[in-house]
Amino acid sequence: MTDNKEEKPHPRLLGEYLSCSRGSIRIAMQKKRDDKVSGKTQKRIGELLIELEIIDEEELKNALRQQRADRLGLCPVFASLNRSELSAIGNQFTEISLSADKQFIFEGENDPTLYILVEGKLEVFTKDDNGDEIHIAFVSPVEPIGEMGYFQGGIRTASVRTIVPTELLSAPYKNLTHYFEHVPHVAHSFLEVINRRQAETNERLKDSDN
């Protein structure tokens, strides 16, 4: 979860999974920009492509399923799953788009959800007894977010906000229990991530006290 400079594989864009031309994608992107300028509700590129009758709903669903499986395969928790397993677990996740400077995890609140950061950048932070923020880490793709809450009854142990416009995958813990408790290689990877995050958090908090 940290400020790791190692180059990681970059998640593929949705357009790479669609049969439409780059020109069609550019048209949808321009419409998205125009809608933003005019103050209209922002839609995803896939929704705009359907609205422009460039693709149909089934083609979008298939492209999203493929993209979701690939994105999960880049996440260290699910990297050991094969393609069919990634497709199956991908059905438990949904896409979320957030603007910059948007807090979506609140320390102390109940939110039994696992997130996967696929595009953007996040900051994890906590607060001391005086209410002052303590930076814990920046998170880059493709990392899980909210894994600590799985063993805390869904209670968040820190807060998280976006730094830039961000794309996430989210799934309720209850939909992932089979993988975390009955698929050994996933369970092992999940615990490795949790142990790494806990060590990083403890180190950051120790530094803040010095």
N, C-alpha and C. Protein backbone atom coordinates (compact mmCIF):
# COMPACT_ATOMS: atom_id res chain seq x y z
N MET A 1 0.82 -1.17 0.00
CA MET A 1 0.00 0.00 0.00
C MET A 1 0.86 1.23 0.00
N THR A 2 2.08 1.16 -0.01
CA THR A 2 2.92 2.30 0.27
C THR A 2 3.38 3.00 -0.98
N ASP A 3 4.31 3.93 -0.78
CA ASP A 3 4.85 4.73 -1.86
C ASP A 3 5.89 3.92 -2.62
N ASN A 4 5.48 2.76 -3.11
CA ASN A 4 6.38 1.85 -3.82
C ASN A 4 6.60 2.35 -5.24
N LYS A 5 7.87 2.52 -5.64
CA LYS A 5 8.19 3.06 -6.94
C LYS A 5 8.27 1.99 -8.02
N GLU A 6 8.15 0.72 -7.64
CA GLU A 6 8.25 -0.35 -8.62
C GLU A 6 7.11 -0.24 -9.63
N GLU A 7 7.47 -0.38 -10.91
CA GLU A 7 6.48 -0.28 -11.98
C GLU A 7 5.55 -1.48 -11.93
N LYS A 8 4.26 -1.22 -11.93
CA LYS A 8 3.27 -2.29 -11.90
C LYS A 8 2.51 -2.34 -13.21
N PRO A 9 1.98 -3.54 -13.57
CA PRO A 9 1.17 -3.62 -14.79
C PRO A 9 0.01 -2.65 -14.73
N HIS A 10 -0.30 -2.02 -15.86
CA HIS A 10 -1.36 -1.02 -15.88
C HIS A 10 -2.66 -1.66 -16.35
N PRO A 11 -3.76 -1.46 -15.62
CA PRO A 11 -5.05 -2.03 -16.05
C PRO A 11 -5.44 -1.52 -17.43
N ARG A 12 -5.98 -2.40 -18.25
CA ARG A 12 -6.39 -2.01 -19.59
C ARG A 12 -7.67 -1.19 -19.54
N LEU A 13 -7.80 -0.26 -20.49
CA LEU A 13 -8.99 0.57 -20.58
C LEU A 13 -10.13 -0.21 -21.21
N LEU A 14 -11.35 0.22 -20.91
CA LEU A 14 -12.53 -0.49 -21.40
C LEU A 14 -12.55 -0.58 -22.93
N GLY A 15 -12.11 0.49 -23.60
CA GLY A 15 -12.13 0.50 -25.06
C GLY A 15 -11.34 -0.63 -25.69
N GLU A 16 -10.36 -1.15 -24.96
CA GLU A 16 -9.54 -2.25 -25.48
C GLU A 16 -10.31 -3.57 -25.52
N TYR A 17 -11.43 -3.62 -24.85
CA TYR A 17 -12.24 -4.84 -24.83
C TYR A 17 -13.44 -4.75 -25.78
N LEU A 18 -13.59 -3.61 -26.41
CA LEU A 18 -14.74 -3.39 -27.29
C LEU A 18 -14.31 -3.45 -28.76
N SER A 19 -15.27 -3.81 -29.61
CA SER A 19 -14.97 -3.93 -31.04
C SER A 19 -15.07 -2.60 -31.77
N CYS A 20 -15.56 -1.55 -31.10
CA CYS A 20 -15.73 -0.26 -31.77
C CYS A 20 -14.38 0.40 -32.02
N SER A 21 -14.34 1.33 -32.93
CA SER A 21 -13.10 1.98 -33.36
C SER A 21 -12.64 3.01 -32.34
N ARG A 22 -11.37 3.40 -32.47
CA ARG A 22 -10.84 4.45 -31.61
C ARG A 22 -11.59 5.77 -31.84
N GLY A 23 -12.00 5.98 -33.09
CA GLY A 23 -12.76 7.18 -33.40
C GLY A 23 -14.06 7.24 -32.62
N SER A 24 -14.72 6.09 -32.48
CA SER A 24 -15.96 6.03 -31.72
C SER A 24 -15.70 6.34 -30.25
N ILE A 25 -14.59 5.83 -29.72
CA ILE A 25 -14.24 6.11 -28.33
C ILE A 25 -13.99 7.61 -28.15
N ARG A 26 -13.31 8.22 -29.13
CA ARG A 26 -13.04 9.66 -29.04
C ARG A 26 -14.34 10.47 -29.05
N ILE A 27 -15.31 10.02 -29.85
CA ILE A 27 -16.61 10.71 -29.89
C ILE A 27 -17.27 10.65 -28.51
N ALA A 28 -17.24 9.46 -27.89
CA ALA A 28 -17.84 9.31 -26.55
C ALA A 28 -17.09 10.15 -25.52
N MET A 29 -15.76 10.19 -25.63
CA MET A 29 -14.96 11.00 -24.70
C MET A 29 -15.30 12.48 -24.85
N GLN A 30 -15.48 12.92 -26.09
CA GLN A 30 -15.82 14.33 -26.31
C GLN A 30 -17.19 14.65 -25.73
N LYS A 31 -18.13 13.72 -25.87
CA LYS A 31 -19.46 13.93 -25.30
C LYS A 31 -19.37 13.99 -23.78
N LYS A 32 -18.51 13.16 -23.20
CA LYS A 32 -18.32 13.18 -21.75
C LYS A 32 -17.79 14.54 -21.30
N ARG A 33 -16.82 15.08 -22.06
CA ARG A 33 -16.27 16.40 -21.73
C ARG A 33 -17.33 17.49 -21.89
N ASP A 34 -18.12 17.39 -22.97
CA ASP A 34 -19.17 18.39 -23.21
C ASP A 34 -20.22 18.35 -22.09
N ASP A 35 -20.58 17.14 -21.67
CA ASP A 35 -21.57 17.02 -20.59
C ASP A 35 -21.04 17.63 -19.29
N LYS A 36 -19.74 17.44 -19.05
CA LYS A 36 -19.14 18.00 -17.83
C LYS A 36 -19.19 19.52 -17.87
N VAL A 37 -18.85 20.09 -19.02
CA VAL A 37 -18.85 21.55 -19.16
C VAL A 37 -20.26 22.11 -18.97
N SER A 38 -21.25 21.39 -19.50
CA SER A 38 -22.63 21.87 -19.42
C SER A 38 -23.31 21.53 -18.10
N GLY A 39 -22.59 20.84 -17.22
CA GLY A 39 -23.13 20.54 -15.90
C GLY A 39 -24.05 19.34 -15.84
N LYS A 40 -24.09 18.54 -16.90
CA LYS A 40 -24.94 17.36 -16.92
C LYS A 40 -24.33 16.25 -16.05
N THR A 41 -25.19 15.31 -15.65
CA THR A 41 -24.73 14.17 -14.86
C THR A 41 -23.69 13.38 -15.66
N GLN A 42 -22.56 13.09 -15.02
CA GLN A 42 -21.48 12.39 -15.69
C GLN A 42 -21.80 10.91 -15.85
N LYS A 43 -21.64 10.42 -17.07
CA LYS A 43 -21.87 9.00 -17.36
C LYS A 43 -20.55 8.33 -17.71
N ARG A 44 -20.52 7.01 -17.52
CA ARG A 44 -19.35 6.24 -17.91
C ARG A 44 -19.27 6.16 -19.43
N ILE A 45 -18.06 5.90 -19.92
CA ILE A 45 -17.84 5.80 -21.36
C ILE A 45 -18.73 4.73 -21.98
N GLY A 46 -18.85 3.60 -21.30
CA GLY A 46 -19.70 2.53 -21.81
C GLY A 46 -21.15 2.96 -21.97
N GLU A 47 -21.65 3.71 -20.99
CA GLU A 47 -23.03 4.20 -21.06
C GLU A 47 -23.20 5.17 -22.22
N LEU A 48 -22.19 5.99 -22.45
CA LEU A 48 -22.26 6.95 -23.55
C LEU A 48 -22.21 6.23 -24.90
N LEU A 49 -21.42 5.17 -24.99
CA LEU A 49 -21.34 4.41 -26.24
C LEU A 49 -22.68 3.77 -26.57
N ILE A 50 -23.40 3.31 -25.55
CA ILE A 50 -24.75 2.77 -25.76
C ILE A 50 -25.70 3.89 -26.18
N GLU A 51 -25.60 5.01 -25.49
CA GLU A 51 -26.47 6.15 -25.80
C GLU A 51 -26.26 6.62 -27.24
N LEU A 52 -25.03 6.56 -27.71
CA LEU A 52 -24.70 6.97 -29.08
C LEU A 52 -24.96 5.85 -30.10
N GLU A 53 -25.45 4.69 -29.60
CA GLU A 53 -25.77 3.52 -30.43
C GLU A 53 -24.54 2.98 -31.16
N ILE A 54 -23.40 3.08 -30.50
CA ILE A 54 -22.16 2.53 -31.06
C ILE A 54 -21.99 1.07 -30.64
N ILE A 55 -22.44 0.73 -29.43
CA ILE A 55 -22.47 -0.64 -28.95
C ILE A 55 -23.82 -0.90 -28.32
N ASP A 56 -24.10 -2.19 -28.00
CA ASP A 56 -25.33 -2.51 -27.29
C ASP A 56 -25.00 -2.94 -25.86
N GLU A 57 -26.01 -3.14 -25.06
CA GLU A 57 -25.82 -3.44 -23.64
C GLU A 57 -25.07 -4.75 -23.42
N GLU A 58 -25.35 -5.76 -24.24
CA GLU A 58 -24.70 -7.05 -24.07
C GLU A 58 -23.21 -6.95 -24.34
N GLU A 59 -22.83 -6.18 -25.35
CA GLU A 59 -21.41 -6.01 -25.65
C GLU A 59 -20.71 -5.30 -24.50
N LEU A 60 -21.38 -4.31 -23.91
CA LEU A 60 -20.79 -3.61 -22.77
C LEU A 60 -20.63 -4.55 -21.59
N LYS A 61 -21.65 -5.37 -21.31
CA LYS A 61 -21.56 -6.31 -20.18
C LYS A 61 -20.41 -7.28 -20.36
N ASN A 62 -20.23 -7.80 -21.57
CA ASN A 62 -19.14 -8.74 -21.84
C ASN A 62 -17.78 -8.08 -21.67
N ALA A 63 -17.67 -6.83 -22.16
CA ALA A 63 -16.41 -6.11 -22.03
C ALA A 63 -16.08 -5.83 -20.57
N LEU A 64 -17.10 -5.44 -19.78
CA LEU A 64 -16.89 -5.17 -18.36
C LEU A 64 -16.48 -6.43 -17.61
N ARG A 65 -17.08 -7.57 -17.97
CA ARG A 65 -16.70 -8.83 -17.31
C ARG A 65 -15.24 -9.17 -17.58
N GLN A 66 -14.81 -9.01 -18.83
CA GLN A 66 -13.42 -9.30 -19.17
C GLN A 66 -12.46 -8.34 -18.47
N GLN A 67 -12.82 -7.05 -18.49
CA GLN A 67 -11.96 -6.06 -17.84
C GLN A 67 -11.87 -6.31 -16.34
N ARG A 68 -13.00 -6.64 -15.73
CA ARG A 68 -13.03 -6.88 -14.28
C ARG A 68 -12.13 -8.05 -13.91
N ALA A 69 -12.20 -9.12 -14.69
CA ALA A 69 -11.36 -10.30 -14.43
C ALA A 69 -9.88 -9.95 -14.54
N ASP A 70 -9.52 -9.19 -15.56
CA ASP A 70 -8.12 -8.79 -15.74
C ASP A 70 -7.66 -7.91 -14.60
N ARG A 71 -8.51 -6.97 -14.19
CA ARG A 71 -8.14 -6.07 -13.10
C ARG A 71 -7.94 -6.84 -11.79
N LEU A 72 -8.82 -7.76 -11.51
CA LEU A 72 -8.68 -8.57 -10.29
C LEU A 72 -7.42 -9.43 -10.36
N GLY A 73 -7.07 -9.88 -11.55
CA GLY A 73 -5.87 -10.70 -11.71
C GLY A 73 -4.59 -9.93 -11.42
N LEU A 74 -4.63 -8.60 -11.50
CA LEU A 74 -3.47 -7.78 -11.18
C LEU A 74 -3.35 -7.49 -9.69
N CYS A 75 -4.44 -7.71 -8.96
CA CYS A 75 -4.45 -7.47 -7.51
C CYS A 75 -3.71 -8.61 -6.80
N PRO A 76 -2.79 -8.31 -5.88
CA PRO A 76 -2.02 -9.37 -5.22
C PRO A 76 -2.87 -10.41 -4.49
N VAL A 77 -4.06 -10.05 -4.05
CA VAL A 77 -4.91 -11.01 -3.35
C VAL A 77 -5.43 -12.09 -4.29
N PHE A 78 -5.73 -11.72 -5.54
CA PHE A 78 -6.38 -12.65 -6.46
C PHE A 78 -5.49 -13.10 -7.61
N ALA A 79 -4.22 -12.72 -7.58
CA ALA A 79 -3.31 -12.99 -8.71
C ALA A 79 -3.12 -14.47 -8.97
N SER A 80 -3.34 -15.33 -7.97
CA SER A 80 -3.11 -16.77 -8.15
C SER A 80 -4.30 -17.49 -8.78
N LEU A 81 -5.44 -16.80 -8.96
CA LEU A 81 -6.62 -17.44 -9.54
C LEU A 81 -6.47 -17.58 -11.05
N ASN A 82 -7.06 -18.65 -11.60
CA ASN A 82 -7.03 -18.81 -13.05
C ASN A 82 -8.15 -17.97 -13.67
N ARG A 83 -8.20 -17.98 -15.01
CA ARG A 83 -9.12 -17.09 -15.71
C ARG A 83 -10.58 -17.35 -15.34
N SER A 84 -10.98 -18.62 -15.27
CA SER A 84 -12.38 -18.92 -14.96
C SER A 84 -12.72 -18.51 -13.53
N GLU A 85 -11.75 -18.67 -12.62
CA GLU A 85 -11.98 -18.26 -11.23
C GLU A 85 -12.09 -16.73 -11.12
N LEU A 86 -11.25 -16.04 -11.88
CA LEU A 86 -11.30 -14.58 -11.87
C LEU A 86 -12.63 -14.07 -12.44
N SER A 87 -13.11 -14.75 -13.47
CA SER A 87 -14.40 -14.36 -14.05
C SER A 87 -15.52 -14.59 -13.05
N ALA A 88 -15.44 -15.71 -12.31
CA ALA A 88 -16.48 -16.03 -11.34
C ALA A 88 -16.49 -15.02 -10.18
N ILE A 89 -15.32 -14.74 -9.62
CA ILE A 89 -15.28 -13.81 -8.50
C ILE A 89 -15.56 -12.38 -8.97
N GLY A 90 -15.26 -12.11 -10.25
CA GLY A 90 -15.54 -10.79 -10.79
C GLY A 90 -17.02 -10.45 -10.78
N ASN A 91 -17.87 -11.48 -10.82
CA ASN A 91 -19.32 -11.26 -10.77
C ASN A 91 -19.77 -10.68 -9.43
N GLN A 92 -18.92 -10.78 -8.42
CA GLN A 92 -19.27 -10.25 -7.09
C GLN A 92 -18.94 -8.77 -6.96
N PHE A 93 -18.17 -8.23 -7.92
CA PHE A 93 -17.71 -6.84 -7.83
C PHE A 93 -18.50 -5.93 -8.75
N THR A 94 -18.56 -4.67 -8.36
CA THR A 94 -19.16 -3.63 -9.20
C THR A 94 -18.18 -2.47 -9.31
N GLU A 95 -18.33 -1.68 -10.39
CA GLU A 95 -17.45 -0.55 -10.63
C GLU A 95 -17.97 0.70 -9.92
N ILE A 96 -17.04 1.48 -9.39
CA ILE A 96 -17.37 2.75 -8.73
C ILE A 96 -16.41 3.83 -9.25
N SER A 97 -16.95 4.98 -9.59
CA SER A 97 -16.14 6.13 -10.01
C SER A 97 -16.27 7.23 -8.96
N LEU A 98 -15.15 7.78 -8.52
CA LEU A 98 -15.16 8.85 -7.53
C LEU A 98 -14.33 10.04 -8.02
N SER A 99 -14.76 11.23 -7.68
CA SER A 99 -14.01 12.43 -8.02
C SER A 99 -12.83 12.60 -7.07
N ALA A 100 -11.97 13.56 -7.36
CA ALA A 100 -10.83 13.84 -6.49
C ALA A 100 -11.29 14.38 -5.14
N ASP A 101 -10.49 14.13 -4.10
CA ASP A 101 -10.74 14.64 -2.75
C ASP A 101 -12.10 14.17 -2.22
N LYS A 102 -12.39 12.90 -2.43
CA LYS A 102 -13.65 12.31 -1.96
C LYS A 102 -13.34 11.23 -0.93
N GLN A 103 -13.76 11.45 0.32
CA GLN A 103 -13.57 10.44 1.35
C GLN A 103 -14.68 9.41 1.24
N PHE A 104 -14.31 8.11 1.17
CA PHE A 104 -15.32 7.08 1.04
C PHE A 104 -15.20 5.99 2.10
N ILE A 105 -14.15 6.04 2.90
CA ILE A 105 -14.03 5.15 4.06
C ILE A 105 -13.79 6.04 5.28
N PHE A 106 -14.58 5.81 6.33
CA PHE A 106 -14.53 6.65 7.52
C PHE A 106 -14.15 5.80 8.73
N GLU A 107 -13.09 6.19 9.39
CA GLU A 107 -12.60 5.46 10.55
C GLU A 107 -13.69 5.31 11.60
N GLY A 108 -13.85 4.08 12.09
CA GLY A 108 -14.84 3.81 13.14
C GLY A 108 -16.21 3.43 12.63
N GLU A 109 -16.49 3.65 11.34
CA GLU A 109 -17.80 3.31 10.79
C GLU A 109 -17.84 1.86 10.31
N ASN A 110 -19.05 1.34 10.23
CA ASN A 110 -19.25 -0.03 9.74
C ASN A 110 -19.47 0.00 8.22
N ASP A 111 -18.61 -0.67 7.50
CA ASP A 111 -18.70 -0.71 6.04
C ASP A 111 -18.08 -2.03 5.58
N PRO A 112 -18.84 -3.13 5.62
CA PRO A 112 -18.29 -4.46 5.31
C PRO A 112 -18.06 -4.66 3.82
N THR A 113 -17.13 -3.90 3.26
CA THR A 113 -16.89 -3.90 1.82
C THR A 113 -15.40 -3.94 1.53
N LEU A 114 -15.01 -4.73 0.54
CA LEU A 114 -13.63 -4.72 0.06
C LEU A 114 -13.60 -3.93 -1.24
N TYR A 115 -12.63 -3.04 -1.35
CA TYR A 115 -12.44 -2.25 -2.57
C TYR A 115 -11.12 -2.64 -3.23
N ILE A 116 -11.09 -2.54 -4.54
CA ILE A 116 -9.85 -2.71 -5.30
C ILE A 116 -9.62 -1.42 -6.08
N LEU A 117 -8.50 -0.77 -5.84
CA LEU A 117 -8.17 0.45 -6.58
C LEU A 117 -7.62 0.06 -7.95
N VAL A 118 -8.29 0.48 -9.02
CA VAL A 118 -7.83 0.11 -10.36
C VAL A 118 -7.31 1.31 -11.16
N GLU A 119 -7.75 2.51 -10.83
CA GLU A 119 -7.24 3.72 -11.46
C GLU A 119 -7.28 4.83 -10.44
N GLY A 120 -6.21 5.65 -10.38
CA GLY A 120 -6.21 6.79 -9.49
C GLY A 120 -5.18 6.67 -8.37
N LYS A 121 -5.42 7.38 -7.29
CA LYS A 121 -4.53 7.37 -6.14
C LYS A 121 -5.33 7.70 -4.89
N LEU A 122 -5.01 7.02 -3.79
CA LEU A 122 -5.73 7.20 -2.53
C LEU A 122 -4.78 7.55 -1.40
N GLU A 123 -5.33 8.19 -0.38
CA GLU A 123 -4.57 8.43 0.85
C GLU A 123 -5.29 7.77 2.01
N VAL A 124 -4.53 7.02 2.80
CA VAL A 124 -5.04 6.40 4.03
C VAL A 124 -4.55 7.25 5.20
N PHE A 125 -5.46 7.58 6.10
CA PHE A 125 -5.07 8.42 7.23
C PHE A 125 -5.91 8.09 8.45
N THR A 126 -5.45 8.53 9.59
CA THR A 126 -6.18 8.39 10.84
C THR A 126 -6.13 9.73 11.57
N LYS A 127 -6.71 9.79 12.73
CA LYS A 127 -6.67 11.03 13.51
C LYS A 127 -6.20 10.72 14.93
N ASP A 128 -5.45 11.66 15.50
CA ASP A 128 -4.99 11.48 16.88
C ASP A 128 -6.05 11.97 17.85
N ASP A 129 -5.72 11.96 19.12
CA ASP A 129 -6.69 12.34 20.14
C ASP A 129 -7.12 13.80 20.04
N ASN A 130 -6.32 14.61 19.36
CA ASN A 130 -6.65 16.02 19.19
C ASN A 130 -7.44 16.29 17.91
N GLY A 131 -7.69 15.22 17.14
CA GLY A 131 -8.41 15.39 15.89
C GLY A 131 -7.54 15.75 14.71
N ASP A 132 -6.22 15.75 14.91
CA ASP A 132 -5.30 16.06 13.82
C ASP A 132 -5.06 14.82 12.96
N GLU A 133 -4.99 15.03 11.66
CA GLU A 133 -4.80 13.90 10.76
C GLU A 133 -3.37 13.38 10.80
N ILE A 134 -3.25 12.05 10.72
CA ILE A 134 -1.95 11.39 10.63
C ILE A 134 -1.93 10.59 9.34
N HIS A 135 -1.06 10.97 8.43
CA HIS A 135 -0.93 10.25 7.16
C HIS A 135 -0.37 8.86 7.42
N ILE A 136 -0.99 7.85 6.83
CA ILE A 136 -0.49 6.48 6.95
C ILE A 136 0.19 6.03 5.66
N ALA A 137 -0.48 6.22 4.52
CA ALA A 137 0.11 5.77 3.26
C ALA A 137 -0.67 6.30 2.08
N PHE A 138 -0.01 6.35 0.93
CA PHE A 138 -0.66 6.54 -0.34
C PHE A 138 -0.83 5.17 -0.98
N VAL A 139 -1.92 4.99 -1.71
CA VAL A 139 -2.20 3.71 -2.35
C VAL A 139 -2.30 3.92 -3.85
N SER A 140 -1.64 3.07 -4.61
CA SER A 140 -1.67 3.11 -6.07
C SER A 140 -2.28 1.82 -6.60
N PRO A 141 -2.73 1.81 -7.86
CA PRO A 141 -3.27 0.58 -8.45
C PRO A 141 -2.18 -0.51 -8.51
N VAL A 142 -2.48 -1.80 -8.45
CA VAL A 142 -3.84 -2.33 -8.26
C VAL A 142 -3.83 -3.00 -6.89
N GLU A 143 -4.30 -2.27 -5.88
CA GLU A 143 -4.21 -2.72 -4.50
C GLU A 143 -5.60 -2.82 -3.87
N PRO A 144 -5.77 -3.75 -2.91
CA PRO A 144 -7.04 -3.83 -2.17
C PRO A 144 -7.11 -2.73 -1.11
N ILE A 145 -8.32 -2.31 -0.80
CA ILE A 145 -8.57 -1.29 0.22
C ILE A 145 -9.68 -1.81 1.13
N GLY A 146 -9.50 -1.65 2.43
CA GLY A 146 -10.54 -2.07 3.36
C GLY A 146 -10.42 -3.51 3.83
N GLU A 147 -9.25 -4.11 3.58
CA GLU A 147 -9.08 -5.52 3.95
C GLU A 147 -9.05 -5.72 5.46
N MET A 148 -8.56 -4.73 6.21
CA MET A 148 -8.46 -4.88 7.65
C MET A 148 -9.83 -5.07 8.30
N GLY A 149 -10.85 -4.44 7.71
CA GLY A 149 -12.19 -4.53 8.29
C GLY A 149 -12.80 -5.92 8.23
N TYR A 150 -12.24 -6.80 7.39
CA TYR A 150 -12.80 -8.15 7.27
C TYR A 150 -12.77 -8.88 8.61
N PHE A 151 -11.70 -8.65 9.38
CA PHE A 151 -11.57 -9.31 10.68
C PHE A 151 -11.97 -8.39 11.83
N GLN A 152 -12.58 -7.24 11.50
CA GLN A 152 -13.02 -6.30 12.53
C GLN A 152 -14.53 -6.11 12.49
N GLY A 153 -15.25 -7.06 11.93
CA GLY A 153 -16.70 -6.95 11.84
C GLY A 153 -17.16 -5.82 10.95
N GLY A 154 -16.31 -5.43 9.99
CA GLY A 154 -16.66 -4.36 9.07
C GLY A 154 -16.33 -2.96 9.57
N ILE A 155 -15.83 -2.87 10.82
CA ILE A 155 -15.50 -1.56 11.39
C ILE A 155 -14.17 -1.07 10.81
N ARG A 156 -14.17 0.14 10.30
CA ARG A 156 -12.98 0.69 9.66
C ARG A 156 -11.95 1.14 10.68
N THR A 157 -10.70 0.76 10.45
CA THR A 157 -9.61 1.11 11.36
C THR A 157 -8.87 2.37 10.92
N ALA A 158 -9.21 2.90 9.73
CA ALA A 158 -8.61 4.14 9.23
C ALA A 158 -9.55 4.74 8.20
N SER A 159 -9.26 5.94 7.79
CA SER A 159 -10.06 6.62 6.77
C SER A 159 -9.31 6.63 5.44
N VAL A 160 -10.06 6.73 4.35
CA VAL A 160 -9.45 6.74 3.01
C VAL A 160 -10.16 7.77 2.15
N ARG A 161 -9.37 8.55 1.39
CA ARG A 161 -9.95 9.49 0.44
C ARG A 161 -9.17 9.44 -0.88
N THR A 162 -9.81 9.93 -1.92
CA THR A 162 -9.17 9.98 -3.22
C THR A 162 -8.27 11.21 -3.31
N ILE A 163 -7.20 11.08 -4.08
CA ILE A 163 -6.31 12.20 -4.36
C ILE A 163 -6.64 12.78 -5.73
N VAL A 164 -6.96 11.91 -6.66
CA VAL A 164 -7.31 12.27 -8.04
C VAL A 164 -8.58 11.50 -8.40
N PRO A 165 -9.23 11.81 -9.54
CA PRO A 165 -10.37 10.98 -9.97
C PRO A 165 -9.98 9.50 -9.98
N THR A 166 -10.85 8.68 -9.45
CA THR A 166 -10.48 7.30 -9.11
C THR A 166 -11.53 6.30 -9.56
N GLU A 167 -11.05 5.13 -9.99
CA GLU A 167 -11.93 4.01 -10.34
C GLU A 167 -11.67 2.87 -9.37
N LEU A 168 -12.74 2.32 -8.81
CA LEU A 168 -12.65 1.23 -7.84
C LEU A 168 -13.55 0.07 -8.26
N LEU A 169 -13.20 -1.11 -7.77
CA LEU A 169 -14.13 -2.24 -7.77
C LEU A 169 -14.52 -2.47 -6.32
N SER A 170 -15.77 -2.82 -6.07
CA SER A 170 -16.20 -3.06 -4.69
C SER A 170 -17.04 -4.32 -4.61
N ALA A 171 -16.93 -5.01 -3.47
CA ALA A 171 -17.73 -6.21 -3.23
C ALA A 171 -17.95 -6.36 -1.73
N PRO A 172 -19.15 -6.79 -1.31
CA PRO A 172 -19.39 -7.05 0.11
C PRO A 172 -18.52 -8.20 0.60
N TYR A 173 -18.03 -8.08 1.83
CA TYR A 173 -17.22 -9.16 2.40
C TYR A 173 -17.93 -10.51 2.29
N LYS A 174 -19.25 -10.50 2.55
CA LYS A 174 -19.98 -11.77 2.61
C LYS A 174 -19.93 -12.51 1.29
N ASN A 175 -19.76 -11.79 0.18
CA ASN A 175 -19.69 -12.44 -1.13
C ASN A 175 -18.31 -13.03 -1.42
N LEU A 176 -17.33 -12.71 -0.56
CA LEU A 176 -15.96 -13.16 -0.78
C LEU A 176 -15.51 -14.18 0.25
N THR A 177 -16.36 -14.47 1.22
CA THR A 177 -15.99 -15.36 2.32
C THR A 177 -15.49 -16.71 1.82
N HIS A 178 -16.13 -17.28 0.82
CA HIS A 178 -15.71 -18.59 0.30
C HIS A 178 -14.25 -18.55 -0.13
N TYR A 179 -13.84 -17.50 -0.81
CA TYR A 179 -12.47 -17.40 -1.31
C TYR A 179 -11.47 -17.17 -0.18
N PHE A 180 -11.83 -16.33 0.78
CA PHE A 180 -10.92 -15.98 1.86
C PHE A 180 -10.77 -17.11 2.89
N GLU A 181 -11.76 -17.99 2.96
CA GLU A 181 -11.72 -19.02 4.00
C GLU A 181 -11.60 -20.45 3.46
N HIS A 182 -11.85 -20.63 2.14
CA HIS A 182 -11.83 -22.00 1.62
C HIS A 182 -10.96 -22.19 0.37
N VAL A 183 -10.35 -21.13 -0.12
CA VAL A 183 -9.42 -21.25 -1.25
C VAL A 183 -8.03 -20.88 -0.72
N PRO A 184 -7.21 -21.90 -0.41
CA PRO A 184 -5.97 -21.66 0.34
C PRO A 184 -5.06 -20.59 -0.23
N HIS A 185 -4.83 -20.58 -1.57
CA HIS A 185 -3.87 -19.61 -2.10
C HIS A 185 -4.41 -18.18 -2.01
N VAL A 186 -5.73 -18.01 -2.10
CA VAL A 186 -6.31 -16.68 -1.94
C VAL A 186 -6.25 -16.27 -0.46
N ALA A 187 -6.60 -17.18 0.42
CA ALA A 187 -6.55 -16.89 1.86
C ALA A 187 -5.14 -16.50 2.29
N HIS A 188 -4.13 -17.22 1.77
CA HIS A 188 -2.74 -16.93 2.11
C HIS A 188 -2.36 -15.53 1.61
N SER A 189 -2.71 -15.22 0.38
CA SER A 189 -2.38 -13.90 -0.19
C SER A 189 -3.09 -12.79 0.57
N PHE A 190 -4.33 -13.04 0.95
CA PHE A 190 -5.12 -12.06 1.69
C PHE A 190 -4.46 -11.76 3.04
N LEU A 191 -4.02 -12.80 3.74
CA LEU A 191 -3.37 -12.61 5.03
C LEU A 191 -2.02 -11.92 4.88
N GLU A 192 -1.32 -12.21 3.79
CA GLU A 192 -0.04 -11.54 3.53
C GLU A 192 -0.23 -10.04 3.38
N VAL A 193 -1.26 -9.66 2.63
CA VAL A 193 -1.55 -8.23 2.44
C VAL A 193 -1.90 -7.58 3.78
N ILE A 194 -2.74 -8.25 4.57
CA ILE A 194 -3.14 -7.70 5.87
C ILE A 194 -1.92 -7.53 6.78
N ASN A 195 -1.05 -8.53 6.83
CA ASN A 195 0.14 -8.44 7.69
C ASN A 195 1.07 -7.31 7.23
N ARG A 196 1.21 -7.17 5.91
CA ARG A 196 2.05 -6.10 5.38
C ARG A 196 1.48 -4.74 5.73
N ARG A 197 0.17 -4.59 5.54
CA ARG A 197 -0.47 -3.31 5.83
C ARG A 197 -0.36 -2.97 7.32
N GLN A 198 -0.56 -3.97 8.17
CA GLN A 198 -0.50 -3.73 9.61
C GLN A 198 0.89 -3.26 10.03
N ALA A 199 1.92 -3.91 9.44
CA ALA A 199 3.30 -3.52 9.76
C ALA A 199 3.58 -2.10 9.29
N GLU A 200 3.10 -1.75 8.09
CA GLU A 200 3.30 -0.40 7.56
C GLU A 200 2.59 0.64 8.42
N THR A 201 1.36 0.32 8.82
CA THR A 201 0.59 1.25 9.65
C THR A 201 1.28 1.47 10.99
N ASN A 202 1.72 0.40 11.62
CA ASN A 202 2.37 0.52 12.91
C ASN A 202 3.66 1.36 12.80
N GLU A 203 4.37 1.18 11.69
CA GLU A 203 5.61 1.94 11.49
C GLU A 203 5.32 3.43 11.31
N ARG A 204 4.30 3.73 10.54
CA ARG A 204 3.94 5.14 10.32
C ARG A 204 3.48 5.80 11.61
N LEU A 205 2.65 5.08 12.37
CA LEU A 205 2.16 5.65 13.63
C LEU A 205 3.29 5.82 14.64
N LYS A 206 4.25 4.90 14.62
CA LYS A 206 5.39 5.03 15.51
C LYS A 206 6.23 6.25 15.15
N ASP A 207 6.41 6.47 13.84
CA ASP A 207 7.17 7.63 13.39
C ASP A 207 6.47 8.93 13.78
N SER A 208 5.14 8.93 13.73
CA SER A 208 4.39 10.16 14.04
C SER A 208 4.49 10.51 15.52
N ASP A 209 4.78 9.52 16.34
CA ASP A 209 4.89 9.79 17.78
C ASP A 209 6.27 10.33 18.17
N ASN A 210 7.24 10.19 17.26
CA ASN A 210 8.61 10.63 17.55
C ASN A 210 8.82 12.12 17.26
